[in-house]
Amino acid sequence: MIEKIKLQKSINLANEIDKIFLLDEKIKKAFSEVPREYFVPTGFNHYAYKLDALPLSSNQWISSPLTVAKMTTYLKIDKNVDSILEIGCGSGYQASILSKLARRIFTIERIEKLALKAKKTFKDLNLSNIHVRYDDGQNGWPTFAPFDRILYSATAKKIPNKIFDQLKIDGILIAPIEKNGKHIITQFLKTKNNIEKIEIEDSYFVPILNGVEK
């Protein structure tokens, strides 16, 4: 059971985000229900509810809560969204927020110890609708495709066709795309005939890498 004080801190964090970036009520509620301190490294608990990115192991980072809120919002999750694929699980914080908004979350992590840690955290928080896979994220998860939404939590130079193949028609993919030395959060809408692209804003993410790491 999550302690009341942790939930209150989560509510305060949601309110802080909302002051800077207006949140949909469902997304605000999701942030209020997921204590970020479960996802930050040991020794960083006192930073857990600040709007800062924090370091993880293996040169990875847990994104700023503000960035997580933006990425979640840009996915445009509505009542018809059943399944979401996340590429780049990291600490699992982004997946945990998504788990409050859709029925099934599938998240892939290429670093084994991060995948195992995320699994344990999800179990501790009783987030039973999140499925974790240790694999190269650029393979996607064909077994459960097509997905209503796909989210990249790492910067890519381009999105492989096999990932777009795993997105439903009228589905949305959000990814930070490397362009001219910047990381631009980009929204892709898959139609019957093509992929429509909208560049939204600059941000910063770790780069996506090939293969897996023990």
N, C-alpha and C. Protein backbone atom coordinates (compact mmCIF):
# COMPACT_ATOMS: atom_id res chain seq x y z
N MET A 1 0.85 -1.20 0.00
CA MET A 1 0.00 0.00 0.00
C MET A 1 0.88 1.26 0.00
N ILE A 2 0.53 2.21 -0.86
CA ILE A 2 1.33 3.43 -0.97
C ILE A 2 0.99 4.35 0.20
N GLU A 3 2.02 4.86 0.84
CA GLU A 3 1.81 5.74 1.99
C GLU A 3 1.13 7.04 1.56
N LYS A 4 0.29 7.59 2.45
CA LYS A 4 -0.45 8.81 2.15
C LYS A 4 0.49 9.97 1.86
N ILE A 5 1.61 10.02 2.56
CA ILE A 5 2.54 11.14 2.36
C ILE A 5 3.14 11.10 0.96
N LYS A 6 3.39 9.89 0.43
CA LYS A 6 3.92 9.77 -0.92
C LYS A 6 2.88 10.18 -1.95
N LEU A 7 1.63 9.81 -1.69
CA LEU A 7 0.56 10.21 -2.60
C LEU A 7 0.36 11.72 -2.58
N GLN A 8 0.48 12.32 -1.41
CA GLN A 8 0.34 13.78 -1.33
C GLN A 8 1.46 14.46 -2.11
N LYS A 9 2.67 13.93 -2.02
CA LYS A 9 3.79 14.48 -2.78
C LYS A 9 3.53 14.34 -4.28
N SER A 10 2.91 13.23 -4.67
CA SER A 10 2.59 13.00 -6.08
C SER A 10 1.53 13.99 -6.55
N ILE A 11 0.55 14.26 -5.70
CA ILE A 11 -0.48 15.25 -6.02
C ILE A 11 0.15 16.63 -6.18
N ASN A 12 1.06 16.96 -5.29
CA ASN A 12 1.75 18.25 -5.37
C ASN A 12 2.56 18.35 -6.66
N LEU A 13 3.20 17.25 -7.05
CA LEU A 13 3.97 17.23 -8.29
C LEU A 13 3.05 17.45 -9.49
N ALA A 14 1.91 16.77 -9.50
CA ALA A 14 0.95 16.93 -10.59
C ALA A 14 0.49 18.38 -10.70
N ASN A 15 0.25 19.01 -9.57
CA ASN A 15 -0.16 20.42 -9.57
C ASN A 15 0.94 21.33 -10.09
N GLU A 16 2.19 20.99 -9.73
CA GLU A 16 3.34 21.78 -10.19
C GLU A 16 3.50 21.69 -11.70
N ILE A 17 3.34 20.48 -12.24
CA ILE A 17 3.40 20.30 -13.70
C ILE A 17 2.30 21.10 -14.37
N ASP A 18 1.10 21.01 -13.81
CA ASP A 18 -0.08 21.65 -14.39
C ASP A 18 0.07 23.17 -14.47
N LYS A 19 0.85 23.76 -13.58
CA LYS A 19 1.08 25.20 -13.61
C LYS A 19 1.89 25.61 -14.84
N ILE A 20 2.76 24.69 -15.30
CA ILE A 20 3.66 24.97 -16.42
C ILE A 20 3.10 24.46 -17.74
N PHE A 21 2.49 23.29 -17.69
CA PHE A 21 1.97 22.62 -18.89
C PHE A 21 0.59 22.06 -18.52
N LEU A 22 -0.44 22.66 -19.05
CA LEU A 22 -1.81 22.31 -18.67
C LEU A 22 -2.10 20.83 -18.93
N LEU A 23 -2.51 20.12 -17.89
CA LEU A 23 -2.75 18.69 -17.98
C LEU A 23 -4.23 18.37 -18.12
N ASP A 24 -4.53 17.40 -18.96
CA ASP A 24 -5.85 16.80 -18.98
C ASP A 24 -6.10 16.18 -17.61
N GLU A 25 -7.34 16.19 -17.14
CA GLU A 25 -7.65 15.71 -15.80
C GLU A 25 -7.24 14.25 -15.59
N LYS A 26 -7.40 13.41 -16.62
CA LYS A 26 -7.01 12.00 -16.48
C LYS A 26 -5.50 11.85 -16.33
N ILE A 27 -4.75 12.66 -17.06
CA ILE A 27 -3.29 12.60 -16.96
C ILE A 27 -2.84 13.15 -15.61
N LYS A 28 -3.47 14.21 -15.17
CA LYS A 28 -3.15 14.77 -13.86
C LYS A 28 -3.41 13.75 -12.75
N LYS A 29 -4.50 13.03 -12.87
CA LYS A 29 -4.84 11.99 -11.89
C LYS A 29 -3.79 10.88 -11.91
N ALA A 30 -3.32 10.51 -13.12
CA ALA A 30 -2.30 9.47 -13.24
C ALA A 30 -1.02 9.86 -12.49
N PHE A 31 -0.58 11.10 -12.67
CA PHE A 31 0.61 11.57 -11.96
C PHE A 31 0.39 11.60 -10.45
N SER A 32 -0.84 11.87 -10.04
CA SER A 32 -1.16 11.92 -8.61
C SER A 32 -1.14 10.55 -7.96
N GLU A 33 -1.26 9.51 -8.77
CA GLU A 33 -1.37 8.15 -8.23
C GLU A 33 -0.07 7.35 -8.29
N VAL A 34 0.97 7.93 -8.89
CA VAL A 34 2.23 7.20 -9.07
C VAL A 34 3.38 7.94 -8.39
N PRO A 35 3.80 7.52 -7.21
CA PRO A 35 4.91 8.18 -6.52
C PRO A 35 6.23 7.98 -7.27
N ARG A 36 6.82 9.08 -7.70
CA ARG A 36 8.02 9.00 -8.53
C ARG A 36 9.22 8.45 -7.77
N GLU A 37 9.21 8.54 -6.44
CA GLU A 37 10.37 8.10 -5.68
C GLU A 37 10.65 6.61 -5.81
N TYR A 38 9.64 5.82 -6.22
CA TYR A 38 9.86 4.39 -6.45
C TYR A 38 10.76 4.14 -7.67
N PHE A 39 10.91 5.15 -8.51
CA PHE A 39 11.61 4.96 -9.78
C PHE A 39 12.98 5.63 -9.81
N VAL A 40 13.29 6.45 -8.82
CA VAL A 40 14.58 7.14 -8.82
C VAL A 40 15.63 6.30 -8.11
N PRO A 41 16.92 6.52 -8.40
CA PRO A 41 17.98 5.73 -7.77
C PRO A 41 18.07 5.99 -6.27
N THR A 42 18.63 5.03 -5.57
CA THR A 42 18.88 5.18 -4.14
C THR A 42 19.71 6.44 -3.88
N GLY A 43 19.28 7.20 -2.91
CA GLY A 43 19.99 8.43 -2.58
C GLY A 43 19.44 9.67 -3.24
N PHE A 44 18.47 9.49 -4.16
CA PHE A 44 17.90 10.63 -4.87
C PHE A 44 16.45 10.89 -4.48
N ASN A 45 15.97 10.25 -3.41
CA ASN A 45 14.57 10.39 -3.02
C ASN A 45 14.16 11.85 -2.79
N HIS A 46 15.09 12.64 -2.25
CA HIS A 46 14.76 14.03 -1.95
C HIS A 46 14.62 14.88 -3.22
N TYR A 47 15.01 14.31 -4.38
CA TYR A 47 14.83 15.00 -5.67
C TYR A 47 13.64 14.44 -6.46
N ALA A 48 13.01 13.41 -5.93
CA ALA A 48 12.02 12.65 -6.71
C ALA A 48 10.85 13.50 -7.18
N TYR A 49 10.46 14.48 -6.41
CA TYR A 49 9.27 15.26 -6.75
C TYR A 49 9.61 16.65 -7.29
N LYS A 50 10.83 16.80 -7.76
CA LYS A 50 11.23 18.02 -8.45
C LYS A 50 11.13 17.80 -9.96
N LEU A 51 11.06 18.88 -10.70
CA LEU A 51 10.91 18.78 -12.16
C LEU A 51 12.25 18.62 -12.85
N ASP A 52 13.03 17.64 -12.39
CA ASP A 52 14.37 17.42 -12.92
C ASP A 52 14.51 16.00 -13.45
N ALA A 53 15.29 15.86 -14.51
CA ALA A 53 15.72 14.53 -14.94
C ALA A 53 16.78 14.04 -13.95
N LEU A 54 16.84 12.73 -13.72
CA LEU A 54 17.79 12.19 -12.75
C LEU A 54 18.55 11.02 -13.37
N PRO A 55 19.82 10.83 -12.98
CA PRO A 55 20.63 9.76 -13.57
C PRO A 55 20.23 8.39 -13.06
N LEU A 56 20.26 7.41 -13.98
CA LEU A 56 20.12 6.00 -13.63
C LEU A 56 21.46 5.33 -13.89
N SER A 57 21.51 4.03 -13.77
CA SER A 57 22.74 3.30 -14.12
C SER A 57 22.87 3.20 -15.62
N SER A 58 24.07 2.77 -16.07
CA SER A 58 24.34 2.53 -17.50
C SER A 58 24.14 3.78 -18.36
N ASN A 59 24.48 4.94 -17.80
CA ASN A 59 24.39 6.21 -18.54
C ASN A 59 22.98 6.52 -19.03
N GLN A 60 21.98 6.04 -18.31
CA GLN A 60 20.59 6.32 -18.64
C GLN A 60 20.03 7.36 -17.66
N TRP A 61 18.86 7.90 -18.00
CA TRP A 61 18.24 8.92 -17.17
C TRP A 61 16.76 8.64 -17.01
N ILE A 62 16.19 9.06 -15.87
CA ILE A 62 14.75 9.11 -15.73
C ILE A 62 14.34 10.52 -16.13
N SER A 63 13.45 10.62 -17.11
CA SER A 63 13.08 11.92 -17.66
C SER A 63 12.43 12.82 -16.61
N SER A 64 12.50 14.10 -16.87
CA SER A 64 11.79 15.07 -16.04
C SER A 64 10.29 14.74 -16.06
N PRO A 65 9.59 14.91 -14.93
CA PRO A 65 8.15 14.69 -14.93
C PRO A 65 7.43 15.57 -15.96
N LEU A 66 7.97 16.76 -16.21
CA LEU A 66 7.37 17.64 -17.20
C LEU A 66 7.47 17.03 -18.60
N THR A 67 8.61 16.43 -18.90
CA THR A 67 8.78 15.78 -20.20
C THR A 67 7.85 14.57 -20.32
N VAL A 68 7.74 13.78 -19.25
CA VAL A 68 6.83 12.63 -19.25
C VAL A 68 5.39 13.10 -19.49
N ALA A 69 5.02 14.20 -18.87
CA ALA A 69 3.67 14.75 -19.05
C ALA A 69 3.43 15.18 -20.50
N LYS A 70 4.42 15.82 -21.09
CA LYS A 70 4.29 16.26 -22.48
C LYS A 70 4.17 15.07 -23.43
N MET A 71 5.05 14.09 -23.27
CA MET A 71 5.02 12.91 -24.16
C MET A 71 3.69 12.18 -24.03
N THR A 72 3.19 12.07 -22.81
CA THR A 72 1.91 11.42 -22.57
C THR A 72 0.78 12.18 -23.25
N THR A 73 0.80 13.49 -23.11
CA THR A 73 -0.25 14.33 -23.71
C THR A 73 -0.24 14.22 -25.23
N TYR A 74 0.95 14.24 -25.83
CA TYR A 74 1.05 14.21 -27.29
C TYR A 74 0.59 12.88 -27.89
N LEU A 75 0.50 11.84 -27.06
CA LEU A 75 -0.02 10.55 -27.54
C LEU A 75 -1.52 10.60 -27.81
N LYS A 76 -2.20 11.58 -27.24
CA LYS A 76 -3.65 11.74 -27.42
C LYS A 76 -4.40 10.45 -27.08
N ILE A 77 -4.23 10.02 -25.84
CA ILE A 77 -4.85 8.77 -25.39
C ILE A 77 -6.32 9.04 -25.06
N ASP A 78 -7.22 8.35 -25.75
CA ASP A 78 -8.64 8.48 -25.47
C ASP A 78 -9.20 7.12 -25.08
N LYS A 79 -10.52 7.03 -24.92
CA LYS A 79 -11.16 5.81 -24.45
C LYS A 79 -11.02 4.64 -25.42
N ASN A 80 -10.67 4.94 -26.67
CA ASN A 80 -10.53 3.88 -27.67
C ASN A 80 -9.13 3.27 -27.70
N VAL A 81 -8.20 3.85 -26.93
CA VAL A 81 -6.82 3.34 -26.90
C VAL A 81 -6.74 2.16 -25.94
N ASP A 82 -6.42 1.00 -26.49
CA ASP A 82 -6.34 -0.23 -25.68
C ASP A 82 -4.90 -0.59 -25.35
N SER A 83 -4.01 -0.46 -26.33
CA SER A 83 -2.63 -0.93 -26.13
C SER A 83 -1.62 0.13 -26.56
N ILE A 84 -0.56 0.26 -25.75
CA ILE A 84 0.52 1.21 -26.03
C ILE A 84 1.85 0.47 -25.93
N LEU A 85 2.70 0.68 -26.91
CA LEU A 85 4.07 0.15 -26.88
C LEU A 85 5.02 1.28 -26.55
N GLU A 86 5.86 1.08 -25.54
CA GLU A 86 6.93 2.03 -25.23
C GLU A 86 8.27 1.40 -25.57
N ILE A 87 9.08 2.14 -26.27
CA ILE A 87 10.43 1.68 -26.62
C ILE A 87 11.42 2.48 -25.76
N GLY A 88 12.01 1.80 -24.79
CA GLY A 88 12.93 2.44 -23.86
C GLY A 88 12.31 2.58 -22.49
N CYS A 89 12.18 1.48 -21.76
CA CYS A 89 11.50 1.47 -20.47
C CYS A 89 12.24 2.29 -19.41
N GLY A 90 13.57 2.16 -19.36
CA GLY A 90 14.34 2.87 -18.35
C GLY A 90 13.89 2.51 -16.94
N SER A 91 13.57 3.51 -16.15
CA SER A 91 13.13 3.27 -14.76
C SER A 91 11.73 2.70 -14.70
N GLY A 92 10.93 2.93 -15.75
CA GLY A 92 9.55 2.47 -15.76
C GLY A 92 8.54 3.54 -15.39
N TYR A 93 9.00 4.77 -15.10
CA TYR A 93 8.08 5.82 -14.66
C TYR A 93 7.09 6.20 -15.76
N GLN A 94 7.58 6.36 -16.98
CA GLN A 94 6.68 6.69 -18.09
C GLN A 94 5.63 5.60 -18.28
N ALA A 95 6.06 4.35 -18.26
CA ALA A 95 5.12 3.23 -18.43
C ALA A 95 4.07 3.21 -17.33
N SER A 96 4.49 3.55 -16.12
CA SER A 96 3.56 3.54 -14.99
C SER A 96 2.47 4.59 -15.16
N ILE A 97 2.83 5.75 -15.69
CA ILE A 97 1.83 6.79 -15.96
C ILE A 97 0.87 6.31 -17.06
N LEU A 98 1.42 5.72 -18.11
CA LEU A 98 0.58 5.21 -19.20
C LEU A 98 -0.37 4.12 -18.72
N SER A 99 0.08 3.34 -17.73
CA SER A 99 -0.73 2.22 -17.24
C SER A 99 -2.04 2.69 -16.59
N LYS A 100 -2.09 3.95 -16.20
CA LYS A 100 -3.30 4.52 -15.61
C LYS A 100 -4.27 5.02 -16.68
N LEU A 101 -3.81 5.01 -17.95
CA LEU A 101 -4.59 5.62 -19.02
C LEU A 101 -5.04 4.66 -20.10
N ALA A 102 -4.44 3.48 -20.15
CA ALA A 102 -4.80 2.49 -21.17
C ALA A 102 -4.80 1.09 -20.55
N ARG A 103 -5.48 0.17 -21.19
CA ARG A 103 -5.65 -1.17 -20.60
C ARG A 103 -4.38 -1.98 -20.58
N ARG A 104 -3.55 -1.89 -21.65
CA ARG A 104 -2.35 -2.73 -21.74
C ARG A 104 -1.16 -1.88 -22.17
N ILE A 105 -0.09 -1.99 -21.40
CA ILE A 105 1.15 -1.29 -21.73
C ILE A 105 2.25 -2.33 -21.97
N PHE A 106 2.94 -2.20 -23.08
CA PHE A 106 4.06 -3.09 -23.42
C PHE A 106 5.31 -2.21 -23.51
N THR A 107 6.30 -2.52 -22.70
CA THR A 107 7.49 -1.67 -22.67
C THR A 107 8.76 -2.52 -22.83
N ILE A 108 9.66 -2.04 -23.66
CA ILE A 108 10.87 -2.79 -24.01
C ILE A 108 12.10 -2.05 -23.48
N GLU A 109 13.01 -2.81 -22.88
CA GLU A 109 14.26 -2.24 -22.37
C GLU A 109 15.43 -3.09 -22.82
N ARG A 110 16.48 -2.45 -23.37
CA ARG A 110 17.64 -3.16 -23.89
C ARG A 110 18.69 -3.45 -22.84
N ILE A 111 18.58 -2.85 -21.65
CA ILE A 111 19.53 -3.08 -20.57
C ILE A 111 18.87 -3.98 -19.53
N GLU A 112 19.43 -5.16 -19.34
CA GLU A 112 18.76 -6.20 -18.56
C GLU A 112 18.46 -5.76 -17.13
N LYS A 113 19.44 -5.14 -16.46
CA LYS A 113 19.22 -4.80 -15.05
C LYS A 113 18.13 -3.74 -14.89
N LEU A 114 17.99 -2.86 -15.87
CA LEU A 114 16.91 -1.88 -15.81
C LEU A 114 15.55 -2.54 -16.03
N ALA A 115 15.52 -3.51 -16.95
CA ALA A 115 14.27 -4.23 -17.20
C ALA A 115 13.82 -4.99 -15.95
N LEU A 116 14.76 -5.65 -15.29
CA LEU A 116 14.44 -6.42 -14.08
C LEU A 116 14.00 -5.51 -12.94
N LYS A 117 14.68 -4.36 -12.81
CA LYS A 117 14.31 -3.41 -11.76
C LYS A 117 12.91 -2.85 -12.02
N ALA A 118 12.62 -2.53 -13.26
CA ALA A 118 11.30 -2.00 -13.60
C ALA A 118 10.20 -3.02 -13.30
N LYS A 119 10.45 -4.27 -13.65
CA LYS A 119 9.48 -5.34 -13.37
C LYS A 119 9.16 -5.40 -11.88
N LYS A 120 10.21 -5.34 -11.06
CA LYS A 120 10.01 -5.40 -9.62
C LYS A 120 9.20 -4.20 -9.12
N THR A 121 9.52 -3.03 -9.64
CA THR A 121 8.80 -1.82 -9.22
C THR A 121 7.33 -1.92 -9.59
N PHE A 122 7.04 -2.37 -10.80
CA PHE A 122 5.65 -2.53 -11.22
C PHE A 122 4.91 -3.50 -10.30
N LYS A 123 5.59 -4.57 -9.94
CA LYS A 123 4.97 -5.56 -9.04
C LYS A 123 4.72 -4.94 -7.67
N ASP A 124 5.68 -4.20 -7.16
CA ASP A 124 5.54 -3.56 -5.84
C ASP A 124 4.37 -2.59 -5.82
N LEU A 125 4.11 -1.96 -6.96
CA LEU A 125 3.04 -0.97 -7.05
C LEU A 125 1.73 -1.57 -7.57
N ASN A 126 1.72 -2.89 -7.75
CA ASN A 126 0.51 -3.59 -8.24
C ASN A 126 0.04 -3.07 -9.60
N LEU A 127 1.00 -2.75 -10.45
CA LEU A 127 0.67 -2.31 -11.81
C LEU A 127 0.72 -3.54 -12.72
N SER A 128 -0.35 -4.29 -12.70
CA SER A 128 -0.36 -5.60 -13.36
C SER A 128 -0.64 -5.54 -14.87
N ASN A 129 -0.93 -4.37 -15.38
CA ASN A 129 -1.22 -4.27 -16.82
C ASN A 129 -0.01 -3.82 -17.64
N ILE A 130 1.18 -3.82 -17.02
CA ILE A 130 2.40 -3.47 -17.74
C ILE A 130 3.21 -4.74 -18.01
N HIS A 131 3.59 -4.93 -19.26
CA HIS A 131 4.36 -6.10 -19.67
C HIS A 131 5.74 -5.62 -20.14
N VAL A 132 6.78 -6.23 -19.57
CA VAL A 132 8.16 -5.79 -19.83
C VAL A 132 8.89 -6.84 -20.66
N ARG A 133 9.63 -6.38 -21.65
CA ARG A 133 10.44 -7.28 -22.46
C ARG A 133 11.88 -6.77 -22.51
N TYR A 134 12.81 -7.67 -22.28
CA TYR A 134 14.24 -7.36 -22.40
C TYR A 134 14.65 -7.67 -23.83
N ASP A 135 14.90 -6.64 -24.63
CA ASP A 135 15.19 -6.84 -26.05
C ASP A 135 15.66 -5.52 -26.65
N ASP A 136 16.14 -5.58 -27.87
CA ASP A 136 16.42 -4.38 -28.65
C ASP A 136 15.08 -3.75 -29.01
N GLY A 137 14.84 -2.54 -28.51
CA GLY A 137 13.55 -1.90 -28.72
C GLY A 137 13.19 -1.68 -30.17
N GLN A 138 14.21 -1.60 -31.02
CA GLN A 138 13.92 -1.34 -32.43
C GLN A 138 13.33 -2.55 -33.15
N ASN A 139 13.23 -3.67 -32.42
CA ASN A 139 12.51 -4.82 -32.97
C ASN A 139 11.00 -4.69 -32.73
N GLY A 140 10.64 -3.80 -31.81
CA GLY A 140 9.23 -3.71 -31.43
C GLY A 140 8.79 -4.96 -30.69
N TRP A 141 7.49 -5.22 -30.72
CA TRP A 141 6.94 -6.41 -30.04
C TRP A 141 5.84 -6.98 -30.94
N PRO A 142 6.25 -7.66 -32.03
CA PRO A 142 5.29 -8.10 -33.06
C PRO A 142 4.16 -8.98 -32.54
N THR A 143 4.43 -9.76 -31.50
CA THR A 143 3.42 -10.70 -30.98
C THR A 143 2.13 -10.00 -30.60
N PHE A 144 2.23 -8.79 -30.07
CA PHE A 144 1.05 -8.08 -29.58
C PHE A 144 0.65 -6.91 -30.49
N ALA A 145 1.31 -6.78 -31.62
CA ALA A 145 0.97 -5.74 -32.58
C ALA A 145 -0.33 -6.12 -33.32
N PRO A 146 -1.02 -5.12 -33.88
CA PRO A 146 -0.68 -3.70 -33.91
C PRO A 146 -1.11 -2.98 -32.64
N PHE A 147 -0.41 -1.87 -32.36
CA PHE A 147 -0.66 -1.07 -31.17
C PHE A 147 -1.41 0.21 -31.55
N ASP A 148 -2.22 0.70 -30.62
CA ASP A 148 -2.93 1.96 -30.85
C ASP A 148 -1.98 3.15 -30.79
N ARG A 149 -0.98 3.04 -29.92
CA ARG A 149 -0.01 4.11 -29.75
C ARG A 149 1.38 3.49 -29.56
N ILE A 150 2.40 4.20 -30.03
CA ILE A 150 3.79 3.80 -29.79
C ILE A 150 4.54 5.04 -29.32
N LEU A 151 5.35 4.86 -28.28
CA LEU A 151 6.12 5.96 -27.70
C LEU A 151 7.59 5.60 -27.63
N TYR A 152 8.44 6.43 -28.18
CA TYR A 152 9.88 6.30 -28.03
C TYR A 152 10.32 7.13 -26.84
N SER A 153 11.01 6.51 -25.89
CA SER A 153 11.56 7.25 -24.76
C SER A 153 13.06 7.44 -24.92
N ALA A 154 13.52 7.41 -26.15
CA ALA A 154 14.92 7.68 -26.49
C ALA A 154 14.94 8.30 -27.88
N THR A 155 15.98 9.07 -28.18
CA THR A 155 16.07 9.76 -29.46
C THR A 155 16.48 8.80 -30.58
N ALA A 156 15.77 8.91 -31.70
CA ALA A 156 16.08 8.11 -32.88
C ALA A 156 16.41 9.03 -34.05
N LYS A 157 17.25 8.54 -34.95
CA LYS A 157 17.52 9.31 -36.16
C LYS A 157 16.36 9.17 -37.14
N LYS A 158 15.76 7.99 -37.15
CA LYS A 158 14.54 7.79 -37.92
C LYS A 158 13.81 6.57 -37.35
N ILE A 159 12.55 6.43 -37.69
CA ILE A 159 11.75 5.31 -37.20
C ILE A 159 11.77 4.19 -38.25
N PRO A 160 12.20 2.98 -37.87
CA PRO A 160 12.21 1.88 -38.83
C PRO A 160 10.80 1.53 -39.33
N ASN A 161 10.73 1.10 -40.57
CA ASN A 161 9.44 0.72 -41.14
C ASN A 161 8.76 -0.39 -40.34
N LYS A 162 9.58 -1.30 -39.77
CA LYS A 162 8.97 -2.41 -39.03
C LYS A 162 8.28 -1.94 -37.75
N ILE A 163 8.66 -0.76 -37.26
CA ILE A 163 7.95 -0.19 -36.11
C ILE A 163 6.63 0.42 -36.58
N PHE A 164 6.66 1.16 -37.68
CA PHE A 164 5.41 1.69 -38.23
C PHE A 164 4.45 0.56 -38.59
N ASP A 165 5.00 -0.58 -39.03
CA ASP A 165 4.15 -1.73 -39.36
C ASP A 165 3.39 -2.25 -38.13
N GLN A 166 3.92 -1.97 -36.93
CA GLN A 166 3.29 -2.43 -35.70
C GLN A 166 2.32 -1.40 -35.11
N LEU A 167 2.09 -0.31 -35.84
CA LEU A 167 1.15 0.72 -35.42
C LEU A 167 -0.14 0.58 -36.21
N LYS A 168 -1.26 0.66 -35.52
CA LYS A 168 -2.56 0.56 -36.19
C LYS A 168 -2.80 1.74 -37.13
N ILE A 169 -3.67 1.51 -38.13
CA ILE A 169 -4.14 2.61 -38.95
C ILE A 169 -4.85 3.62 -38.03
N ASP A 170 -4.58 4.88 -38.22
CA ASP A 170 -5.08 5.98 -37.38
C ASP A 170 -4.40 6.02 -36.01
N GLY A 171 -3.34 5.21 -35.85
CA GLY A 171 -2.58 5.23 -34.61
C GLY A 171 -1.56 6.36 -34.61
N ILE A 172 -1.07 6.69 -33.42
CA ILE A 172 -0.11 7.78 -33.25
C ILE A 172 1.19 7.25 -32.66
N LEU A 173 2.30 7.69 -33.22
CA LEU A 173 3.63 7.39 -32.69
C LEU A 173 4.28 8.71 -32.30
N ILE A 174 4.82 8.77 -31.09
CA ILE A 174 5.55 9.95 -30.62
C ILE A 174 7.01 9.56 -30.40
N ALA A 175 7.91 10.35 -30.94
CA ALA A 175 9.33 10.07 -30.77
C ALA A 175 10.14 11.35 -30.85
N PRO A 176 11.21 11.46 -30.04
CA PRO A 176 12.18 12.54 -30.24
C PRO A 176 13.10 12.15 -31.40
N ILE A 177 13.13 12.98 -32.42
CA ILE A 177 13.91 12.68 -33.62
C ILE A 177 15.10 13.62 -33.70
N GLU A 178 16.28 13.04 -33.94
CA GLU A 178 17.50 13.84 -34.07
C GLU A 178 17.50 14.56 -35.41
N LYS A 179 17.64 15.89 -35.35
CA LYS A 179 17.63 16.69 -36.58
C LYS A 179 18.47 17.94 -36.37
N ASN A 180 19.49 18.09 -37.17
CA ASN A 180 20.35 19.28 -37.10
C ASN A 180 20.89 19.51 -35.70
N GLY A 181 21.30 18.42 -35.05
CA GLY A 181 21.88 18.51 -33.73
C GLY A 181 20.88 18.70 -32.59
N LYS A 182 19.60 18.72 -32.91
CA LYS A 182 18.56 18.86 -31.90
C LYS A 182 17.73 17.59 -31.79
N HIS A 183 17.03 17.45 -30.66
CA HIS A 183 16.09 16.36 -30.47
C HIS A 183 14.69 16.96 -30.51
N ILE A 184 13.95 16.66 -31.56
CA ILE A 184 12.65 17.29 -31.78
C ILE A 184 11.55 16.27 -31.52
N ILE A 185 10.72 16.52 -30.53
CA ILE A 185 9.57 15.64 -30.27
C ILE A 185 8.65 15.73 -31.47
N THR A 186 8.40 14.58 -32.07
CA THR A 186 7.66 14.51 -33.33
C THR A 186 6.48 13.56 -33.21
N GLN A 187 5.36 13.98 -33.75
CA GLN A 187 4.15 13.16 -33.74
C GLN A 187 3.93 12.60 -35.15
N PHE A 188 3.77 11.28 -35.23
CA PHE A 188 3.50 10.62 -36.50
C PHE A 188 2.09 10.03 -36.46
N LEU A 189 1.28 10.32 -37.45
CA LEU A 189 -0.06 9.75 -37.57
C LEU A 189 -0.08 8.82 -38.78
N LYS A 190 -0.43 7.56 -38.53
CA LYS A 190 -0.46 6.57 -39.61
C LYS A 190 -1.85 6.54 -40.23
N THR A 191 -1.93 6.85 -41.51
CA THR A 191 -3.18 6.76 -42.25
C THR A 191 -3.12 5.55 -43.17
N LYS A 192 -4.18 5.33 -43.92
CA LYS A 192 -4.20 4.18 -44.83
C LYS A 192 -3.15 4.30 -45.93
N ASN A 193 -2.82 5.53 -46.27
CA ASN A 193 -1.96 5.74 -47.43
C ASN A 193 -0.54 6.22 -47.11
N ASN A 194 -0.37 6.84 -45.94
CA ASN A 194 0.97 7.35 -45.64
C ASN A 194 1.15 7.62 -44.15
N ILE A 195 2.29 8.23 -43.82
CA ILE A 195 2.60 8.62 -42.45
C ILE A 195 2.69 10.15 -42.43
N GLU A 196 1.81 10.80 -41.67
CA GLU A 196 1.84 12.25 -41.52
C GLU A 196 2.71 12.61 -40.33
N LYS A 197 3.49 13.68 -40.47
CA LYS A 197 4.46 14.04 -39.44
C LYS A 197 4.27 15.48 -38.99
N ILE A 198 4.29 15.69 -37.66
CA ILE A 198 4.22 17.03 -37.10
C ILE A 198 5.36 17.19 -36.09
N GLU A 199 6.23 18.17 -36.29
CA GLU A 199 7.29 18.47 -35.33
C GLU A 199 6.72 19.39 -34.26
N ILE A 200 6.91 19.01 -32.97
CA ILE A 200 6.24 19.73 -31.89
C ILE A 200 7.17 20.67 -31.14
N GLU A 201 8.24 20.16 -30.55
CA GLU A 201 9.14 21.01 -29.78
C GLU A 201 10.47 20.32 -29.54
N ASP A 202 11.47 21.11 -29.19
CA ASP A 202 12.79 20.58 -28.86
C ASP A 202 12.76 19.97 -27.46
N SER A 203 13.59 18.96 -27.26
CA SER A 203 13.75 18.37 -25.94
C SER A 203 15.12 17.72 -25.90
N TYR A 204 15.35 16.88 -24.89
CA TYR A 204 16.62 16.15 -24.85
C TYR A 204 16.39 14.76 -24.27
N PHE A 205 16.85 13.74 -24.97
CA PHE A 205 16.74 12.35 -24.53
C PHE A 205 18.07 11.65 -24.81
N VAL A 206 18.31 10.54 -24.12
CA VAL A 206 19.47 9.71 -24.47
C VAL A 206 19.18 9.06 -25.82
N PRO A 207 20.21 8.73 -26.59
CA PRO A 207 19.98 8.13 -27.91
C PRO A 207 19.59 6.67 -27.82
N ILE A 208 18.78 6.23 -28.75
CA ILE A 208 18.47 4.82 -28.84
C ILE A 208 19.69 4.08 -29.39
N LEU A 209 19.96 2.89 -28.88
CA LEU A 209 21.13 2.11 -29.29
C LEU A 209 20.69 0.74 -29.80
N ASN A 210 21.52 0.17 -30.64
CA ASN A 210 21.22 -1.16 -31.19
C ASN A 210 21.61 -2.26 -30.20
N GLY A 211 20.94 -3.40 -30.30
CA GLY A 211 21.31 -4.56 -29.52
C GLY A 211 20.85 -4.47 -28.08
N VAL A 212 21.35 -5.42 -27.27
CA VAL A 212 20.99 -5.46 -25.86
C VAL A 212 22.27 -5.42 -25.00
N GLU A 213 22.08 -5.11 -23.73
CA GLU A 213 23.20 -5.01 -22.80
C GLU A 213 22.86 -5.76 -21.52
N LYS A 214 23.77 -6.59 -21.07
CA LYS A 214 23.56 -7.33 -19.83
C LYS A 214 23.73 -6.43 -18.63
